[in-house]
């Protein structure tokens, strides 16, 4: 008697795959498939089983029936992402991570910025009307007071991205402190005696963490250090700080810019004043981007796992939406220094 063939994904891929098809291929109960694809925090499965289900979903091209799921769960399968500036390479990386993870989990995403000052209300209106299930906020400009008063005190399904807000229990960040420290340690290799740091508004905890890493590394390397605080994180803020620092009679040996955009602005200021980088002053910035390769000189940066931060933010938000507990997550992928021409070669 012939042995029946085991069912393969190719046998059921000819028609639109169902949740039962996925369950048969993965050899699990359909209810477990449903919980895994919906990111249900109550889904009890080993990593191997979960991966088997996800592999079957991928191979079959399974797509959940969004209309039926909305009727059953009263969810829209949409989340919102609020940013201050979509042109900034760092925020572009967050968008990439969020979009990739949403696609994997069958969620749609609405993206907006608050450059015009009213988008944050637009997104809270979407939450109130039930048009998005939750909201990711990646803002380095909105104050803690505004966020708590207008958004965080009223809605549970909100996750802060790339910053924490005191009294709010859901956030995903990277190790900014270690990233700043790596940059200063690198700049200290060149016989450096003095260093300046350029930072955004200190009311934001992200700026506080970066400054802490900068100051602790400067002290550890016995460097005389100064700090310039600006009210934004952009190129013009970096340029203004550069003009201030490089116009002084005694200039710092090195400069740490706490964002790549500030680093770009600082290089512009050096060009305007005829200050040679790296021969007169060396500079390194936090956050990496391909843009850094095309500057003159190319800019030394510290790469932070911002794509992963975006992805993990989606996971945390969907956990909360599903009834799971919030938390403060720090992406465990470490920062990596990317040395380029703006720091030259270290002295032996």
C-alpha atoms as a PDB file:
ATOM      1  CA  UNK A   1       0.000   0.000   0.000  1.00  0.00           C
ATOM      2  CA  UNK A   2       1.425   3.368  -1.017  1.00  0.00           C
ATOM      3  CA  UNK A   3       2.367   5.764   1.748  1.00  0.00           C
ATOM      4  CA  UNK A   4       0.399   9.032   1.462  1.00  0.00           C
ATOM      5  CA  UNK A   5       2.509  12.042   0.670  1.00  0.00           C
ATOM      6  CA  UNK A   6       2.844  14.716   3.327  1.00  0.00           C
ATOM      7  CA  UNK A   7       1.176  17.961   2.332  1.00  0.00           C
ATOM      8  CA  UNK A   8       3.456  20.632   0.916  1.00  0.00           C
ATOM      9  CA  UNK A   9       2.974  24.351   0.702  1.00  0.00           C
ATOM     10  CA  UNK A  10       3.048  24.169  -3.109  1.00  0.00           C
ATOM     11  CA  UNK A  11      -0.027  21.900  -3.033  1.00  0.00           C
ATOM     12  CA  UNK A  12      -2.209  24.607  -1.436  1.00  0.00           C
ATOM     13  CA  UNK A  13      -0.630  27.712  -2.887  1.00  0.00           C
ATOM     14  CA  UNK A  14      -2.680  27.514  -6.119  1.00  0.00           C
ATOM     15  CA  UNK A  15      -5.694  29.098  -4.424  1.00  0.00           C
ATOM     16  CA  UNK A  16      -5.826  31.774  -1.733  1.00  0.00           C
ATOM     17  CA  UNK A  17      -4.392  30.228   1.412  1.00  0.00           C
ATOM     18  CA  UNK A  18      -6.494  30.050   4.570  1.00  0.00           C
ATOM     19  CA  UNK A  19      -5.515  29.918   8.202  1.00  0.00           C
ATOM     20  CA  UNK A  20      -6.282  26.167   8.150  1.00  0.00           C
ATOM     21  CA  UNK A  21      -3.821  25.694   5.274  1.00  0.00           C
ATOM     22  CA  UNK A  22      -1.119  27.369   7.332  1.00  0.00           C
ATOM     23  CA  UNK A  23      -2.018  25.198  10.332  1.00  0.00           C
ATOM     24  CA  UNK A  24      -1.771  21.981   8.271  1.00  0.00           C
ATOM     25  CA  UNK A  25       1.622  22.913   6.838  1.00  0.00           C
ATOM     26  CA  UNK A  26       2.992  23.996  10.232  1.00  0.00           C
ATOM     27  CA  UNK A  27       1.301  21.045  11.985  1.00  0.00           C
ATOM     28  CA  UNK A  28      -0.355  23.146  14.654  1.00  0.00           C
ATOM     29  CA  UNK A  29      -3.888  24.114  15.632  1.00  0.00           C
ATOM     30  CA  UNK A  30      -5.493  26.951  13.584  1.00  0.00           C
ATOM     31  CA  UNK A  31      -6.143  28.900  16.790  1.00  0.00           C
ATOM     32  CA  UNK A  32      -2.378  29.050  17.448  1.00  0.00           C
ATOM     33  CA  UNK A  33      -1.765  30.315  13.923  1.00  0.00           C
ATOM     34  CA  UNK A  34      -4.354  33.023  14.483  1.00  0.00           C
ATOM     35  CA  UNK A  35      -2.710  34.144  17.716  1.00  0.00           C
ATOM     36  CA  UNK A  36       0.786  34.198  16.207  1.00  0.00           C
ATOM     37  CA  UNK A  37      -0.133  36.153  13.057  1.00  0.00           C
ATOM     38  CA  UNK A  38      -2.134  38.611  15.185  1.00  0.00           C
ATOM     39  CA  UNK A  39       0.790  39.025  17.598  1.00  0.00           C
ATOM     40  CA  UNK A  40      -1.430  37.930  20.498  1.00  0.00           C
ATOM     41  CA  UNK A  41       0.614  38.114  23.754  1.00  0.00           C
ATOM     42  CA  UNK A  42      -1.299  35.020  24.944  1.00  0.00           C
ATOM     43  CA  UNK A  43       0.095  32.901  22.105  1.00  0.00           C
ATOM     44  CA  UNK A  44       1.975  30.069  23.814  1.00  0.00           C
ATOM     45  CA  UNK A  45       4.491  28.552  21.417  1.00  0.00           C
ATOM     46  CA  UNK A  46       8.150  27.662  21.431  1.00  0.00           C
ATOM     47  CA  UNK A  47      10.472  29.753  19.217  1.00  0.00           C
ATOM     48  CA  UNK A  48      10.786  26.778  16.842  1.00  0.00           C
ATOM     49  CA  UNK A  49       7.004  26.389  16.537  1.00  0.00           C
ATOM     50  CA  UNK A  50       6.499  30.113  16.059  1.00  0.00           C
ATOM     51  CA  UNK A  51       9.138  30.150  13.317  1.00  0.00           C
ATOM     52  CA  UNK A  52       7.506  27.139  11.632  1.00  0.00           C
ATOM     53  CA  UNK A  53       4.204  29.000  11.517  1.00  0.00           C
ATOM     54  CA  UNK A  54       5.816  32.174  10.160  1.00  0.00           C
ATOM     55  CA  UNK A  55       7.693  30.152   7.528  1.00  0.00           C
ATOM     56  CA  UNK A  56       4.406  28.583   6.411  1.00  0.00           C
ATOM     57  CA  UNK A  57       2.744  32.006   6.290  1.00  0.00           C
ATOM     58  CA  UNK A  58       5.576  33.312   4.121  1.00  0.00           C
ATOM     59  CA  UNK A  59       5.658  30.304   1.808  1.00  0.00           C
ATOM     60  CA  UNK A  60       1.899  30.247   1.280  1.00  0.00           C
ATOM     61  CA  UNK A  61       1.622  33.998   0.914  1.00  0.00           C
ATOM     62  CA  UNK A  62      -1.126  33.903   3.531  1.00  0.00           C
ATOM     63  CA  UNK A  63      -2.911  37.201   4.200  1.00  0.00           C
ATOM     64  CA  UNK A  64      -5.350  37.518   7.053  1.00  0.00           C
ATOM     65  CA  UNK A  65      -8.914  38.519   6.242  1.00  0.00           C
ATOM     66  CA  UNK A  66      -8.763  42.060   7.584  1.00  0.00           C
ATOM     67  CA  UNK A  67     -12.504  42.710   7.320  1.00  0.00           C
ATOM     68  CA  UNK A  68     -13.428  39.600   9.300  1.00  0.00           C
ATOM     69  CA  UNK A  69     -10.735  40.295  11.843  1.00  0.00           C
ATOM     70  CA  UNK A  70     -11.942  43.865  12.347  1.00  0.00           C
ATOM     71  CA  UNK A  71     -15.492  42.610  13.013  1.00  0.00           C
ATOM     72  CA  UNK A  72     -14.218  40.031  15.490  1.00  0.00           C
ATOM     73  CA  UNK A  73     -11.654  42.160  17.336  1.00  0.00           C
ATOM     74  CA  UNK A  74     -12.987  45.710  16.786  1.00  0.00           C
ATOM     75  CA  UNK A  75      -9.511  46.659  15.526  1.00  0.00           C
ATOM     76  CA  UNK A  76      -8.542  48.515  12.393  1.00  0.00           C
ATOM     77  CA  UNK A  77      -5.185  46.802  11.774  1.00  0.00           C
ATOM     78  CA  UNK A  78      -3.729  50.306  11.417  1.00  0.00           C
ATOM     79  CA  UNK A  79      -1.252  52.191  13.588  1.00  0.00           C
ATOM     80  CA  UNK A  80      -0.059  55.781  13.451  1.00  0.00           C
ATOM     81  CA  UNK A  81       3.531  57.033  13.480  1.00  0.00           C
ATOM     82  CA  UNK A  82       4.154  60.664  14.447  1.00  0.00           C
ATOM     83  CA  UNK A  83       7.528  62.203  13.561  1.00  0.00           C
ATOM     84  CA  UNK A  84       9.036  65.680  13.749  1.00  0.00           C
ATOM     85  CA  UNK A  85      10.888  65.539  10.423  1.00  0.00           C
ATOM     86  CA  UNK A  86      10.661  62.811   7.783  1.00  0.00           C
ATOM     87  CA  UNK A  87      13.650  64.233   5.879  1.00  0.00           C
ATOM     88  CA  UNK A  88      16.036  63.474   8.758  1.00  0.00           C
ATOM     89  CA  UNK A  89      18.033  60.257   8.000  1.00  0.00           C
ATOM     90  CA  UNK A  90      17.536  59.008  11.558  1.00  0.00           C
ATOM     91  CA  UNK A  91      13.758  59.244  11.307  1.00  0.00           C
ATOM     92  CA  UNK A  92      13.869  57.694   7.839  1.00  0.00           C
ATOM     93  CA  UNK A  93      15.537  54.659   9.421  1.00  0.00           C
ATOM     94  CA  UNK A  94      12.801  54.454  12.075  1.00  0.00           C
ATOM     95  CA  UNK A  95      10.167  54.565   9.315  1.00  0.00           C
ATOM     96  CA  UNK A  96      11.933  51.697   7.532  1.00  0.00           C
ATOM     97  CA  UNK A  97      11.871  49.537  10.670  1.00  0.00           C
ATOM     98  CA  UNK A  98       8.226  50.332  11.398  1.00  0.00           C
ATOM     99  CA  UNK A  99       7.092  49.705   7.818  1.00  0.00           C
ATOM    100  CA  UNK A 100       8.949  46.397   7.546  1.00  0.00           C
ATOM    101  CA  UNK A 101       7.520  45.067  10.803  1.00  0.00           C
ATOM    102  CA  UNK A 102       3.983  46.256  10.016  1.00  0.00           C
ATOM    103  CA  UNK A 103       4.179  44.487   6.663  1.00  0.00           C
ATOM    104  CA  UNK A 104       5.320  41.274   8.351  1.00  0.00           C
ATOM    105  CA  UNK A 105       2.395  41.418  10.790  1.00  0.00           C
ATOM    106  CA  UNK A 106      -0.287  42.492   8.340  1.00  0.00           C
ATOM    107  CA  UNK A 107      -0.729  46.008   9.710  1.00  0.00           C
ATOM    108  CA  UNK A 108      -1.128  49.244   7.827  1.00  0.00           C
ATOM    109  CA  UNK A 109       0.564  52.462   8.902  1.00  0.00           C
ATOM    110  CA  UNK A 110      -0.295  56.148   8.780  1.00  0.00           C
ATOM    111  CA  UNK A 111       2.740  58.434   8.919  1.00  0.00           C
ATOM    112  CA  UNK A 112       2.718  62.137   9.668  1.00  0.00           C
ATOM    113  CA  UNK A 113       4.969  64.870  10.996  1.00  0.00           C
ATOM    114  CA  UNK A 114       4.197  67.762  13.311  1.00  0.00           C
ATOM    115  CA  UNK A 115       6.265  70.355  11.496  1.00  0.00           C
ATOM    116  CA  UNK A 116       3.086  72.328  10.883  1.00  0.00           C
ATOM    117  CA  UNK A 117       2.082  72.076  14.539  1.00  0.00           C
ATOM    118  CA  UNK A 118      -1.293  70.352  14.156  1.00  0.00           C
ATOM    119  CA  UNK A 119      -0.545  66.778  13.102  1.00  0.00           C
ATOM    120  CA  UNK A 120      -0.401  65.550  16.687  1.00  0.00           C
ATOM    121  CA  UNK A 121      -4.082  66.517  17.107  1.00  0.00           C
ATOM    122  CA  UNK A 122      -4.881  64.791  13.826  1.00  0.00           C
ATOM    123  CA  UNK A 123      -3.425  61.567  15.191  1.00  0.00           C
ATOM    124  CA  UNK A 124      -5.181  61.779  18.557  1.00  0.00           C
ATOM    125  CA  UNK A 125      -8.420  62.320  16.635  1.00  0.00           C
ATOM    126  CA  UNK A 126      -7.705  59.099  14.744  1.00  0.00           C
ATOM    127  CA  UNK A 127      -7.295  57.296  18.073  1.00  0.00           C
ATOM    128  CA  UNK A 128     -10.525  58.768  19.436  1.00  0.00           C
ATOM    129  CA  UNK A 129     -12.484  57.783  16.335  1.00  0.00           C
ATOM    130  CA  UNK A 130     -11.011  54.283  16.364  1.00  0.00           C
ATOM    131  CA  UNK A 131      -9.333  54.690  12.992  1.00  0.00           C
ATOM    132  CA  UNK A 132      -5.951  53.533  14.325  1.00  0.00           C
ATOM    133  CA  UNK A 133      -5.367  50.955  17.038  1.00  0.00           C
ATOM    134  CA  UNK A 134      -2.356  52.700  18.536  1.00  0.00           C
ATOM    135  CA  UNK A 135       0.244  55.382  18.082  1.00  0.00           C
ATOM    136  CA  UNK A 136       4.041  55.502  17.914  1.00  0.00           C
ATOM    137  CA  UNK A 137       5.534  58.893  18.770  1.00  0.00           C
ATOM    138  CA  UNK A 138       9.109  59.599  17.678  1.00  0.00           C
ATOM    139  CA  UNK A 139       9.442  63.247  18.596  1.00  0.00           C
ATOM    140  CA  UNK A 140      12.494  65.126  19.747  1.00  0.00           C
ATOM    141  CA  UNK A 141      10.737  68.470  19.960  1.00  0.00           C
ATOM    142  CA  UNK A 142       7.351  68.065  21.677  1.00  0.00           C
ATOM    143  CA  UNK A 143       7.758  68.660  25.422  1.00  0.00           C
ATOM    144  CA  UNK A 144       7.013  66.042  28.075  1.00  0.00           C
ATOM    145  CA  UNK A 145       4.289  68.307  29.460  1.00  0.00           C
ATOM    146  CA  UNK A 146       2.515  68.601  26.110  1.00  0.00           C
ATOM    147  CA  UNK A 147       2.789  64.866  25.394  1.00  0.00           C
ATOM    148  CA  UNK A 148       1.397  63.901  28.795  1.00  0.00           C
ATOM    149  CA  UNK A 149      -1.383  66.500  28.834  1.00  0.00           C
ATOM    150  CA  UNK A 150      -2.564  66.055  25.253  1.00  0.00           C
ATOM    151  CA  UNK A 151      -1.828  62.397  24.493  1.00  0.00           C
ATOM    152  CA  UNK A 152      -0.206  60.109  27.042  1.00  0.00           C
ATOM    153  CA  UNK A 153      -2.578  60.729  29.960  1.00  0.00           C
ATOM    154  CA  UNK A 154      -5.570  59.905  27.762  1.00  0.00           C
ATOM    155  CA  UNK A 155      -4.536  56.906  25.656  1.00  0.00           C
ATOM    156  CA  UNK A 156      -2.963  53.597  26.698  1.00  0.00           C
ATOM    157  CA  UNK A 157      -1.995  52.350  23.241  1.00  0.00           C
ATOM    158  CA  UNK A 158       0.910  54.758  22.769  1.00  0.00           C
ATOM    159  CA  UNK A 159       4.651  53.999  22.647  1.00  0.00           C
ATOM    160  CA  UNK A 160       7.409  56.602  22.750  1.00  0.00           C
ATOM    161  CA  UNK A 161      10.187  55.934  20.219  1.00  0.00           C
ATOM    162  CA  UNK A 162      13.770  57.121  20.737  1.00  0.00           C
ATOM    163  CA  UNK A 163      12.923  58.854  24.017  1.00  0.00           C
ATOM    164  CA  UNK A 164      11.300  58.369  27.400  1.00  0.00           C
ATOM    165  CA  UNK A 165       8.756  60.546  29.124  1.00  0.00           C
ATOM    166  CA  UNK A 166       8.679  60.575  32.915  1.00  0.00           C
ATOM    167  CA  UNK A 167       5.640  58.769  34.259  1.00  0.00           C
ATOM    168  CA  UNK A 168       4.942  56.958  30.965  1.00  0.00           C
ATOM    169  CA  UNK A 169       5.586  53.227  30.949  1.00  0.00           C
ATOM    170  CA  UNK A 170       6.055  52.398  27.241  1.00  0.00           C
ATOM    171  CA  UNK A 171       9.148  53.327  25.245  1.00  0.00           C
ATOM    172  CA  UNK A 172      11.797  51.882  22.944  1.00  0.00           C
ATOM    173  CA  UNK A 173      15.237  53.494  22.803  1.00  0.00           C
ATOM    174  CA  UNK A 174      18.802  52.734  21.750  1.00  0.00           C
ATOM    175  CA  UNK A 175      21.924  53.115  23.870  1.00  0.00           C
ATOM    176  CA  UNK A 176      22.526  56.801  23.113  1.00  0.00           C
ATOM    177  CA  UNK A 177      24.806  57.164  26.127  1.00  0.00           C
ATOM    178  CA  UNK A 178      27.184  54.463  24.890  1.00  0.00           C
ATOM    179  CA  UNK A 179      27.069  55.906  21.355  1.00  0.00           C
ATOM    180  CA  UNK A 180      28.190  59.329  22.587  1.00  0.00           C
ATOM    181  CA  UNK A 181      30.882  57.712  24.707  1.00  0.00           C
ATOM    182  CA  UNK A 182      32.249  55.783  21.693  1.00  0.00           C
ATOM    183  CA  UNK A 183      32.549  58.990  19.692  1.00  0.00           C
ATOM    184  CA  UNK A 184      34.437  60.791  22.463  1.00  0.00           C
ATOM    185  CA  UNK A 185      36.764  57.818  23.023  1.00  0.00           C
ATOM    186  CA  UNK A 186      37.568  57.846  19.323  1.00  0.00           C
ATOM    187  CA  UNK A 187      38.233  61.597  19.250  1.00  0.00           C
ATOM    188  CA  UNK A 188      40.488  61.262  22.320  1.00  0.00           C
ATOM    189  CA  UNK A 189      42.956  59.095  20.376  1.00  0.00           C
ATOM    190  CA  UNK A 190      44.460  62.064  18.521  1.00  0.00           C
ATOM    191  CA  UNK A 191      46.293  63.803  21.330  1.00  0.00           C
ATOM    192  CA  UNK A 192      43.124  65.751  22.038  1.00  0.00           C
ATOM    193  CA  UNK A 193      43.170  68.140  25.015  1.00  0.00           C
ATOM    194  CA  UNK A 194      39.807  69.857  24.663  1.00  0.00           C
ATOM    195  CA  UNK A 195      36.449  68.845  23.231  1.00  0.00           C
ATOM    196  CA  UNK A 196      33.078  70.539  22.719  1.00  0.00           C
ATOM    197  CA  UNK A 197      29.672  68.862  22.541  1.00  0.00           C
ATOM    198  CA  UNK A 198      26.682  70.170  20.571  1.00  0.00           C
ATOM    199  CA  UNK A 199      23.305  69.055  21.915  1.00  0.00           C
ATOM    200  CA  UNK A 200      19.593  69.584  21.404  1.00  0.00           C
ATOM    201  CA  UNK A 201      17.161  70.806  24.080  1.00  0.00           C
ATOM    202  CA  UNK A 202      17.958  69.328  27.479  1.00  0.00           C
ATOM    203  CA  UNK A 203      14.269  69.051  28.372  1.00  0.00           C
ATOM    204  CA  UNK A 204      14.307  65.904  26.194  1.00  0.00           C
ATOM    205  CA  UNK A 205      15.659  62.798  27.909  1.00  0.00           C
ATOM    206  CA  UNK A 206      17.417  61.707  24.685  1.00  0.00           C
ATOM    207  CA  UNK A 207      19.630  64.816  24.880  1.00  0.00           C
ATOM    208  CA  UNK A 208      20.259  64.144  28.573  1.00  0.00           C
ATOM    209  CA  UNK A 209      21.428  60.592  27.896  1.00  0.00           C
ATOM    210  CA  UNK A 210      23.734  61.692  25.074  1.00  0.00           C
ATOM    211  CA  UNK A 211      25.190  64.462  27.192  1.00  0.00           C
ATOM    212  CA  UNK A 212      25.791  62.033  30.062  1.00  0.00           C
ATOM    213  CA  UNK A 213      27.743  59.729  27.733  1.00  0.00           C
ATOM    214  CA  UNK A 214      29.716  62.677  26.344  1.00  0.00           C
ATOM    215  CA  UNK A 215      30.655  64.106  29.761  1.00  0.00           C
ATOM    216  CA  UNK A 216      31.549  60.767  31.365  1.00  0.00           C
ATOM    217  CA  UNK A 217      33.813  59.844  28.416  1.00  0.00           C
ATOM    218  CA  UNK A 218      35.426  63.304  28.406  1.00  0.00           C
ATOM    219  CA  UNK A 219      36.180  62.977  32.120  1.00  0.00           C
ATOM    220  CA  UNK A 220      37.502  59.446  31.691  1.00  0.00           C
ATOM    221  CA  UNK A 221      39.851  60.645  28.936  1.00  0.00           C
ATOM    222  CA  UNK A 222      40.857  63.719  30.993  1.00  0.00           C
ATOM    223  CA  UNK A 223      39.610  66.151  28.345  1.00  0.00           C
ATOM    224  CA  UNK A 224      38.632  69.732  29.042  1.00  0.00           C
ATOM    225  CA  UNK A 225      35.070  69.894  27.768  1.00  0.00           C
ATOM    226  CA  UNK A 226      32.368  72.445  27.034  1.00  0.00           C
ATOM    227  CA  UNK A 227      28.730  72.051  25.991  1.00  0.00           C
ATOM    228  CA  UNK A 228      26.557  74.071  23.638  1.00  0.00           C
ATOM    229  CA  UNK A 229      22.803  73.513  23.876  1.00  0.00           C
ATOM    230  CA  UNK A 230      20.551  74.455  20.951  1.00  0.00           C
ATOM    231  CA  UNK A 231      16.762  74.521  20.755  1.00  0.00           C
ATOM    232  CA  UNK A 232      16.635  72.116  17.812  1.00  0.00           C
ATOM    233  CA  UNK A 233      18.542  69.123  16.396  1.00  0.00           C
ATOM    234  CA  UNK A 234      18.951  70.262  12.796  1.00  0.00           C
ATOM    235  CA  UNK A 235      21.648  71.449  10.413  1.00  0.00           C
ATOM    236  CA  UNK A 236      21.179  75.142  11.137  1.00  0.00           C
ATOM    237  CA  UNK A 237      21.574  74.478  14.860  1.00  0.00           C
ATOM    238  CA  UNK A 238      24.859  72.696  14.118  1.00  0.00           C
ATOM    239  CA  UNK A 239      26.000  75.518  11.871  1.00  0.00           C
ATOM    240  CA  UNK A 240      25.233  78.153  14.521  1.00  0.00           C
ATOM    241  CA  UNK A 241      27.117  76.162  17.163  1.00  0.00           C
ATOM    242  CA  UNK A 242      30.035  75.730  14.748  1.00  0.00           C
ATOM    243  CA  UNK A 243      30.241  79.462  14.036  1.00  0.00           C
ATOM    244  CA  UNK A 244      30.239  80.123  17.792  1.00  0.00           C
ATOM    245  CA  UNK A 245      32.939  77.565  18.586  1.00  0.00           C
ATOM    246  CA  UNK A 246      35.213  78.219  15.623  1.00  0.00           C
ATOM    247  CA  UNK A 247      35.099  82.007  15.944  1.00  0.00           C
ATOM    248  CA  UNK A 248      36.745  81.848  19.344  1.00  0.00           C
ATOM    249  CA  UNK A 249      40.417  82.638  19.749  1.00  0.00           C
ATOM    250  CA  UNK A 250      40.957  79.292  21.467  1.00  0.00           C
ATOM    251  CA  UNK A 251      39.175  76.583  19.528  1.00  0.00           C
ATOM    252  CA  UNK A 252      38.470  73.026  20.751  1.00  0.00           C
ATOM    253  CA  UNK A 253      40.602  70.228  19.354  1.00  0.00           C
ATOM    254  CA  UNK A 254      37.529  68.106  18.693  1.00  0.00           C
ATOM    255  CA  UNK A 255      33.750  68.399  18.468  1.00  0.00           C
ATOM    256  CA  UNK A 256      31.010  65.866  19.127  1.00  0.00           C
ATOM    257  CA  UNK A 257      27.692  66.586  17.386  1.00  0.00           C
ATOM    258  CA  UNK A 258      24.792  64.725  18.997  1.00  0.00           C
ATOM    259  CA  UNK A 259      22.986  64.270  15.644  1.00  0.00           C
ATOM    260  CA  UNK A 260      24.266  63.750  12.127  1.00  0.00           C
ATOM    261  CA  UNK A 261      22.312  66.812  10.998  1.00  0.00           C
ATOM    262  CA  UNK A 262      24.174  68.953  13.550  1.00  0.00           C
ATOM    263  CA  UNK A 263      27.417  67.423  12.303  1.00  0.00           C
ATOM    264  CA  UNK A 264      26.578  68.456   8.733  1.00  0.00           C
ATOM    265  CA  UNK A 265      25.827  71.991   9.922  1.00  0.00           C
ATOM    266  CA  UNK A 266      29.118  72.128  11.822  1.00  0.00           C
ATOM    267  CA  UNK A 267      31.088  71.147   8.689  1.00  0.00           C
ATOM    268  CA  UNK A 268      29.339  73.951   6.801  1.00  0.00           C
ATOM    269  CA  UNK A 269      30.395  76.453   9.484  1.00  0.00           C
ATOM    270  CA  UNK A 270      34.000  75.266   9.259  1.00  0.00           C
ATOM    271  CA  UNK A 271      33.964  75.804   5.481  1.00  0.00           C
ATOM    272  CA  UNK A 272      32.545  79.307   5.936  1.00  0.00           C
ATOM    273  CA  UNK A 273      35.300  80.237   8.401  1.00  0.00           C
ATOM    274  CA  UNK A 274      38.115  78.511   6.515  1.00  0.00           C
ATOM    275  CA  UNK A 275      38.786  76.042   9.351  1.00  0.00           C
ATOM    276  CA  UNK A 276      40.331  72.810   8.103  1.00  0.00           C
ATOM    277  CA  UNK A 277      38.779  69.513   9.189  1.00  0.00           C
ATOM    278  CA  UNK A 278      40.471  67.376  10.476  1.00  0.00           C
ATOM    279  CA  UNK A 279      43.781  69.294  10.639  1.00  0.00           C
ATOM    280  CA  UNK A 280      42.459  72.177  12.759  1.00  0.00           C
ATOM    281  CA  UNK A 281      39.545  70.432  14.452  1.00  0.00           C
ATOM    282  CA  UNK A 282      38.142  66.907  14.323  1.00  0.00           C
ATOM    283  CA  UNK A 283      34.428  66.127  14.395  1.00  0.00           C
ATOM    284  CA  UNK A 284      32.253  63.064  14.923  1.00  0.00           C
ATOM    285  CA  UNK A 285      28.465  62.783  15.064  1.00  0.00           C
ATOM    286  CA  UNK A 286      25.828  60.432  16.408  1.00  0.00           C
ATOM    287  CA  UNK A 287      23.728  58.440  13.886  1.00  0.00           C
ATOM    288  CA  UNK A 288      25.029  57.111  10.597  1.00  0.00           C
ATOM    289  CA  UNK A 289      23.750  57.635   7.056  1.00  0.00           C
ATOM    290  CA  UNK A 290      25.006  57.234   3.501  1.00  0.00           C
ATOM    291  CA  UNK A 291      24.965  61.036   3.372  1.00  0.00           C
ATOM    292  CA  UNK A 292      28.057  61.025   5.615  1.00  0.00           C
ATOM    293  CA  UNK A 293      30.111  59.502   2.782  1.00  0.00           C
ATOM    294  CA  UNK A 294      29.322  62.375   0.419  1.00  0.00           C
ATOM    295  CA  UNK A 295      30.310  65.290   2.648  1.00  0.00           C
ATOM    296  CA  UNK A 296      33.668  67.030   2.334  1.00  0.00           C
ATOM    297  CA  UNK A 297      35.300  65.753   4.390  1.00  0.00           C
ATOM    298  CA  UNK A 298      33.273  62.586   4.911  1.00  0.00           C
ATOM    299  CA  UNK A 299      31.843  62.552   8.416  1.00  0.00           C
ATOM    300  CA  UNK A 300      32.806  60.094  11.145  1.00  0.00           C
ATOM    301  CA  UNK A 301      29.633  58.797  12.790  1.00  0.00           C
ATOM    302  CA  UNK A 302      28.330  56.304  15.315  1.00  0.00           C
ATOM    303  CA  UNK A 303      25.807  53.880  13.840  1.00  0.00           C
ATOM    304  CA  UNK A 304      22.821  53.232  16.102  1.00  0.00           C
ATOM    305  CA  UNK A 305      20.264  50.412  15.492  1.00  0.00           C
ATOM    306  CA  UNK A 306      17.407  52.747  14.587  1.00  0.00           C
ATOM    307  CA  UNK A 307      15.781  50.352  12.104  1.00  0.00           C
ATOM    308  CA  UNK A 308      15.577  47.739  14.860  1.00  0.00           C
ATOM    309  CA  UNK A 309      14.215  50.387  17.215  1.00  0.00           C
ATOM    310  CA  UNK A 310      11.353  51.037  14.789  1.00  0.00           C
ATOM    311  CA  UNK A 311      10.639  47.334  14.436  1.00  0.00           C
ATOM    312  CA  UNK A 312      10.656  46.653  18.181  1.00  0.00           C
ATOM    313  CA  UNK A 313       8.397  49.665  18.751  1.00  0.00           C
ATOM    314  CA  UNK A 314       5.728  47.999  16.613  1.00  0.00           C
ATOM    315  CA  UNK A 315       6.046  44.777  18.613  1.00  0.00           C
ATOM    316  CA  UNK A 316       5.657  46.613  21.918  1.00  0.00           C
ATOM    317  CA  UNK A 317       2.678  48.629  20.692  1.00  0.00           C
ATOM    318  CA  UNK A 318       0.863  45.536  19.412  1.00  0.00           C
ATOM    319  CA  UNK A 319       1.583  43.776  22.699  1.00  0.00           C
ATOM    320  CA  UNK A 320      -0.123  46.630  24.543  1.00  0.00           C
ATOM    321  CA  UNK A 321      -3.041  46.686  22.083  1.00  0.00           C
ATOM    322  CA  UNK A 322      -3.476  42.957  22.677  1.00  0.00           C
ATOM    323  CA  UNK A 323      -3.719  43.414  26.433  1.00  0.00           C
ATOM    324  CA  UNK A 324      -0.067  42.807  27.280  1.00  0.00           C
ATOM    325  CA  UNK A 325       2.017  44.839  29.672  1.00  0.00           C
ATOM    326  CA  UNK A 326       3.971  47.951  28.618  1.00  0.00           C
ATOM    327  CA  UNK A 327       7.656  48.421  29.360  1.00  0.00           C
ATOM    328  CA  UNK A 328      10.841  50.319  28.612  1.00  0.00           C
ATOM    329  CA  UNK A 329      12.907  48.505  25.986  1.00  0.00           C
ATOM    330  CA  UNK A 330      16.489  49.295  24.987  1.00  0.00           C
ATOM    331  CA  UNK A 331      17.588  47.717  21.699  1.00  0.00           C
ATOM    332  CA  UNK A 332      20.448  45.422  22.677  1.00  0.00           C
ATOM    333  CA  UNK A 333      22.393  45.781  19.397  1.00  0.00           C
ATOM    334  CA  UNK A 334      25.410  47.909  20.379  1.00  0.00           C
ATOM    335  CA  UNK A 335      26.434  51.177  18.667  1.00  0.00           C
ATOM    336  CA  UNK A 336      29.267  50.938  16.140  1.00  0.00           C
ATOM    337  CA  UNK A 337      31.770  53.673  15.273  1.00  0.00           C
ATOM    338  CA  UNK A 338      32.170  54.393  11.537  1.00  0.00           C
ATOM    339  CA  UNK A 339      35.481  56.276  11.100  1.00  0.00           C
ATOM    340  CA  UNK A 340      35.785  58.624   8.107  1.00  0.00           C
ATOM    341  CA  UNK A 341      37.894  61.593   7.001  1.00  0.00           C
ATOM    342  CA  UNK A 342      36.559  64.136   9.522  1.00  0.00           C
ATOM    343  CA  UNK A 343      38.662  62.527  12.253  1.00  0.00           C
ATOM    344  CA  UNK A 344      41.660  61.442  10.180  1.00  0.00           C
ATOM    345  CA  UNK A 345      44.051  58.775  11.421  1.00  0.00           C
ATOM    346  CA  UNK A 346      44.699  58.319  15.138  1.00  0.00           C
ATOM    347  CA  UNK A 347      48.175  59.027  16.468  1.00  0.00           C
ATOM    348  CA  UNK A 348      50.013  55.958  17.667  1.00  0.00           C
END
